[in-house]
Amino acid sequence: MSIYQHFRQEEIETVKLLEQLVAQVESQYAPMLTHFLDPRKQFILTTLVNRTELHVCFFWRQWRPRAYACIDLSGLLRSSG
């Protein structure tokens, strides 16, 4: 079963890009900070990370829906919201 079937057709490129970021963190054992992600991309990234042993947390400014995401192995960078 492909992960792509769970997302909209127009989101496939985004899913592939975020999948590459997750794979890079797994292979390099180094945290990664993304560019700003809108709420839907945050959901996609969380879905992909939850399939691994990695952790993701989001950092955003007050009153803005877009956020930076940090993907890491240790879980030390967890966000409470």
N, C-alpha and C. Protein backbone atom coordinates (compact mmCIF):
# COMPACT_ATOMS: atom_id res chain seq x y z
N MET A 1 0.85 -1.17 0.00
CA MET A 1 0.00 0.00 0.00
C MET A 1 0.90 1.25 0.00
N SER A 2 0.65 2.14 -0.91
CA SER A 2 1.46 3.35 -1.05
C SER A 2 0.95 4.46 -0.14
N ILE A 3 1.86 5.20 0.43
CA ILE A 3 1.50 6.35 1.27
C ILE A 3 0.83 7.43 0.42
N TYR A 4 1.16 7.48 -0.85
CA TYR A 4 0.64 8.54 -1.73
C TYR A 4 -0.87 8.49 -1.90
N GLN A 5 -1.46 7.34 -1.76
CA GLN A 5 -2.91 7.23 -1.95
C GLN A 5 -3.69 7.96 -0.86
N HIS A 6 -3.02 8.31 0.23
CA HIS A 6 -3.70 8.98 1.33
C HIS A 6 -3.70 10.50 1.18
N PHE A 7 -3.07 10.99 0.13
CA PHE A 7 -2.98 12.43 -0.08
C PHE A 7 -3.58 12.81 -1.42
N ARG A 8 -3.89 14.09 -1.55
CA ARG A 8 -4.46 14.60 -2.80
C ARG A 8 -3.41 14.53 -3.91
N GLN A 9 -3.88 14.42 -5.14
CA GLN A 9 -2.98 14.32 -6.28
C GLN A 9 -2.04 15.52 -6.35
N GLU A 10 -2.54 16.71 -6.07
CA GLU A 10 -1.71 17.91 -6.16
C GLU A 10 -0.69 18.02 -5.02
N GLU A 11 -0.79 17.14 -4.03
CA GLU A 11 0.15 17.15 -2.90
C GLU A 11 1.29 16.15 -3.05
N ILE A 12 1.26 15.36 -4.09
CA ILE A 12 2.25 14.28 -4.25
C ILE A 12 3.68 14.82 -4.28
N GLU A 13 3.91 15.91 -4.99
CA GLU A 13 5.27 16.48 -5.05
C GLU A 13 5.73 16.94 -3.67
N THR A 14 4.83 17.55 -2.91
CA THR A 14 5.15 17.97 -1.54
C THR A 14 5.47 16.76 -0.67
N VAL A 15 4.69 15.70 -0.80
CA VAL A 15 4.92 14.48 -0.02
C VAL A 15 6.30 13.91 -0.35
N LYS A 16 6.64 13.88 -1.62
CA LYS A 16 7.95 13.34 -2.03
C LYS A 16 9.09 14.19 -1.47
N LEU A 17 8.94 15.50 -1.52
CA LEU A 17 9.97 16.40 -0.99
C LEU A 17 10.15 16.20 0.51
N LEU A 18 9.05 16.16 1.24
CA LEU A 18 9.13 15.98 2.69
C LEU A 18 9.63 14.59 3.04
N GLU A 19 9.30 13.60 2.23
CA GLU A 19 9.81 12.24 2.42
C GLU A 19 11.33 12.21 2.29
N GLN A 20 11.86 12.99 1.35
CA GLN A 20 13.31 13.07 1.17
C GLN A 20 13.98 13.71 2.38
N LEU A 21 13.34 14.74 2.95
CA LEU A 21 13.89 15.37 4.15
C LEU A 21 13.94 14.39 5.32
N VAL A 22 12.86 13.63 5.48
CA VAL A 22 12.81 12.63 6.56
C VAL A 22 13.90 11.58 6.35
N ALA A 23 14.07 11.11 5.13
CA ALA A 23 15.10 10.11 4.82
C ALA A 23 16.49 10.67 5.08
N GLN A 24 16.69 11.95 4.77
CA GLN A 24 17.99 12.58 5.00
C GLN A 24 18.32 12.64 6.48
N VAL A 25 17.34 12.99 7.30
CA VAL A 25 17.57 13.03 8.76
C VAL A 25 17.89 11.63 9.27
N GLU A 26 17.17 10.63 8.78
CA GLU A 26 17.44 9.25 9.20
C GLU A 26 18.83 8.79 8.81
N SER A 27 19.27 9.14 7.64
CA SER A 27 20.57 8.64 7.16
C SER A 27 21.75 9.43 7.72
N GLN A 28 21.56 10.72 7.98
CA GLN A 28 22.67 11.55 8.46
C GLN A 28 22.71 11.70 9.98
N TYR A 29 21.69 11.25 10.68
CA TYR A 29 21.62 11.37 12.13
C TYR A 29 21.83 12.81 12.59
N ALA A 30 21.26 13.75 11.84
CA ALA A 30 21.40 15.16 12.18
C ALA A 30 20.03 15.82 12.08
N PRO A 31 19.71 16.71 13.03
CA PRO A 31 18.42 17.41 12.96
C PRO A 31 18.35 18.29 11.72
N MET A 32 17.15 18.59 11.30
CA MET A 32 16.95 19.46 10.14
C MET A 32 15.83 20.44 10.43
N LEU A 33 16.06 21.69 10.06
CA LEU A 33 15.06 22.73 10.20
C LEU A 33 14.52 23.05 8.81
N THR A 34 13.22 23.03 8.65
CA THR A 34 12.61 23.30 7.36
C THR A 34 12.35 24.79 7.19
N HIS A 35 11.93 25.16 5.99
CA HIS A 35 11.37 26.48 5.75
C HIS A 35 9.98 26.50 6.38
N PHE A 36 9.31 27.64 6.32
CA PHE A 36 7.95 27.71 6.85
C PHE A 36 7.04 26.72 6.13
N LEU A 37 6.23 26.02 6.90
CA LEU A 37 5.26 25.08 6.36
C LEU A 37 3.86 25.53 6.74
N ASP A 38 2.94 25.47 5.79
CA ASP A 38 1.55 25.80 6.11
C ASP A 38 0.93 24.63 6.89
N PRO A 39 -0.25 24.80 7.47
CA PRO A 39 -0.83 23.75 8.30
C PRO A 39 -0.98 22.39 7.59
N ARG A 40 -1.31 22.39 6.32
CA ARG A 40 -1.47 21.12 5.61
C ARG A 40 -0.12 20.42 5.46
N LYS A 41 0.93 21.17 5.14
CA LYS A 41 2.27 20.58 5.02
C LYS A 41 2.77 20.10 6.39
N GLN A 42 2.39 20.80 7.45
CA GLN A 42 2.73 20.33 8.80
C GLN A 42 2.09 18.97 9.05
N PHE A 43 0.84 18.81 8.64
CA PHE A 43 0.14 17.54 8.80
C PHE A 43 0.84 16.43 7.99
N ILE A 44 1.20 16.74 6.76
CA ILE A 44 1.87 15.75 5.90
C ILE A 44 3.20 15.34 6.53
N LEU A 45 3.98 16.31 6.98
CA LEU A 45 5.27 16.00 7.60
C LEU A 45 5.09 15.16 8.86
N THR A 46 4.12 15.52 9.69
CA THR A 46 3.85 14.74 10.90
C THR A 46 3.48 13.31 10.55
N THR A 47 2.68 13.13 9.53
CA THR A 47 2.29 11.78 9.09
C THR A 47 3.51 10.98 8.66
N LEU A 48 4.40 11.59 7.90
CA LEU A 48 5.60 10.89 7.44
C LEU A 48 6.55 10.56 8.59
N VAL A 49 6.73 11.51 9.49
CA VAL A 49 7.64 11.29 10.62
C VAL A 49 7.09 10.21 11.55
N ASN A 50 5.78 10.16 11.72
CA ASN A 50 5.19 9.15 12.60
C ASN A 50 5.39 7.72 12.10
N ARG A 51 5.80 7.56 10.87
CA ARG A 51 6.09 6.23 10.32
C ARG A 51 7.52 5.80 10.64
N THR A 52 8.28 6.65 11.32
CA THR A 52 9.69 6.40 11.62
C THR A 52 9.93 6.49 13.13
N GLU A 53 11.19 6.42 13.50
CA GLU A 53 11.58 6.61 14.90
C GLU A 53 11.93 8.07 15.19
N LEU A 54 11.71 8.94 14.22
CA LEU A 54 12.05 10.35 14.38
C LEU A 54 10.98 11.10 15.14
N HIS A 55 11.29 12.35 15.46
CA HIS A 55 10.35 13.25 16.13
C HIS A 55 10.31 14.55 15.35
N VAL A 56 9.19 15.23 15.41
CA VAL A 56 9.07 16.53 14.77
C VAL A 56 8.42 17.50 15.74
N CYS A 57 8.88 18.74 15.71
CA CYS A 57 8.23 19.79 16.49
C CYS A 57 8.16 21.03 15.62
N PHE A 58 7.22 21.88 15.92
CA PHE A 58 6.97 23.06 15.11
C PHE A 58 7.18 24.32 15.95
N PHE A 59 7.75 25.32 15.31
CA PHE A 59 8.00 26.61 15.94
C PHE A 59 7.35 27.67 15.07
N TRP A 60 6.42 28.43 15.64
CA TRP A 60 5.74 29.46 14.87
C TRP A 60 5.62 30.74 15.67
N ARG A 61 5.38 31.79 14.92
CA ARG A 61 5.15 33.09 15.55
C ARG A 61 3.68 33.22 15.90
N GLN A 62 3.42 33.99 16.91
CA GLN A 62 2.04 34.20 17.34
C GLN A 62 1.21 34.79 16.20
N TRP A 63 0.01 34.28 16.02
CA TRP A 63 -0.96 34.74 15.04
C TRP A 63 -0.62 34.35 13.60
N ARG A 64 0.29 33.44 13.43
CA ARG A 64 0.62 33.02 12.07
C ARG A 64 0.48 31.51 11.96
N PRO A 65 -0.22 31.03 10.94
CA PRO A 65 -0.43 29.59 10.81
C PRO A 65 0.79 28.83 10.30
N ARG A 66 1.72 29.53 9.65
CA ARG A 66 2.90 28.86 9.12
C ARG A 66 3.93 28.66 10.23
N ALA A 67 4.68 27.56 10.13
CA ALA A 67 5.66 27.25 11.18
C ALA A 67 6.90 26.62 10.59
N TYR A 68 8.01 26.79 11.29
CA TYR A 68 9.20 26.03 10.99
C TYR A 68 9.00 24.64 11.59
N ALA A 69 9.60 23.64 10.99
CA ALA A 69 9.58 22.30 11.58
C ALA A 69 11.00 21.86 11.83
N CYS A 70 11.23 21.22 12.94
CA CYS A 70 12.52 20.62 13.23
C CYS A 70 12.31 19.11 13.35
N ILE A 71 13.02 18.36 12.53
CA ILE A 71 12.95 16.90 12.55
C ILE A 71 14.22 16.42 13.24
N ASP A 72 14.08 15.59 14.27
CA ASP A 72 15.29 15.11 14.94
C ASP A 72 15.10 13.67 15.42
N LEU A 73 16.22 13.06 15.80
CA LEU A 73 16.23 11.67 16.25
C LEU A 73 15.98 11.54 17.73
N SER A 74 16.44 12.48 18.50
CA SER A 74 16.46 12.33 19.95
C SER A 74 15.16 12.63 20.64
N GLY A 75 14.34 13.47 20.03
CA GLY A 75 13.12 13.89 20.70
C GLY A 75 13.36 14.97 21.73
N LEU A 76 14.57 15.52 21.76
CA LEU A 76 14.89 16.56 22.74
C LEU A 76 14.25 17.89 22.38
N LEU A 77 13.90 18.05 21.12
CA LEU A 77 13.35 19.32 20.66
C LEU A 77 11.85 19.27 20.55
N ARG A 78 11.18 18.73 21.51
CA ARG A 78 9.72 18.61 21.46
C ARG A 78 9.07 19.93 21.80
N SER A 79 7.96 20.19 21.15
CA SER A 79 7.23 21.43 21.38
C SER A 79 5.89 21.11 22.03
N SER A 80 5.46 21.95 22.92
CA SER A 80 4.18 21.72 23.59
C SER A 80 3.04 22.39 22.84
N GLY A 81 3.33 23.10 21.77
CA GLY A 81 2.25 23.70 20.99
C GLY A 81 2.49 25.06 20.58
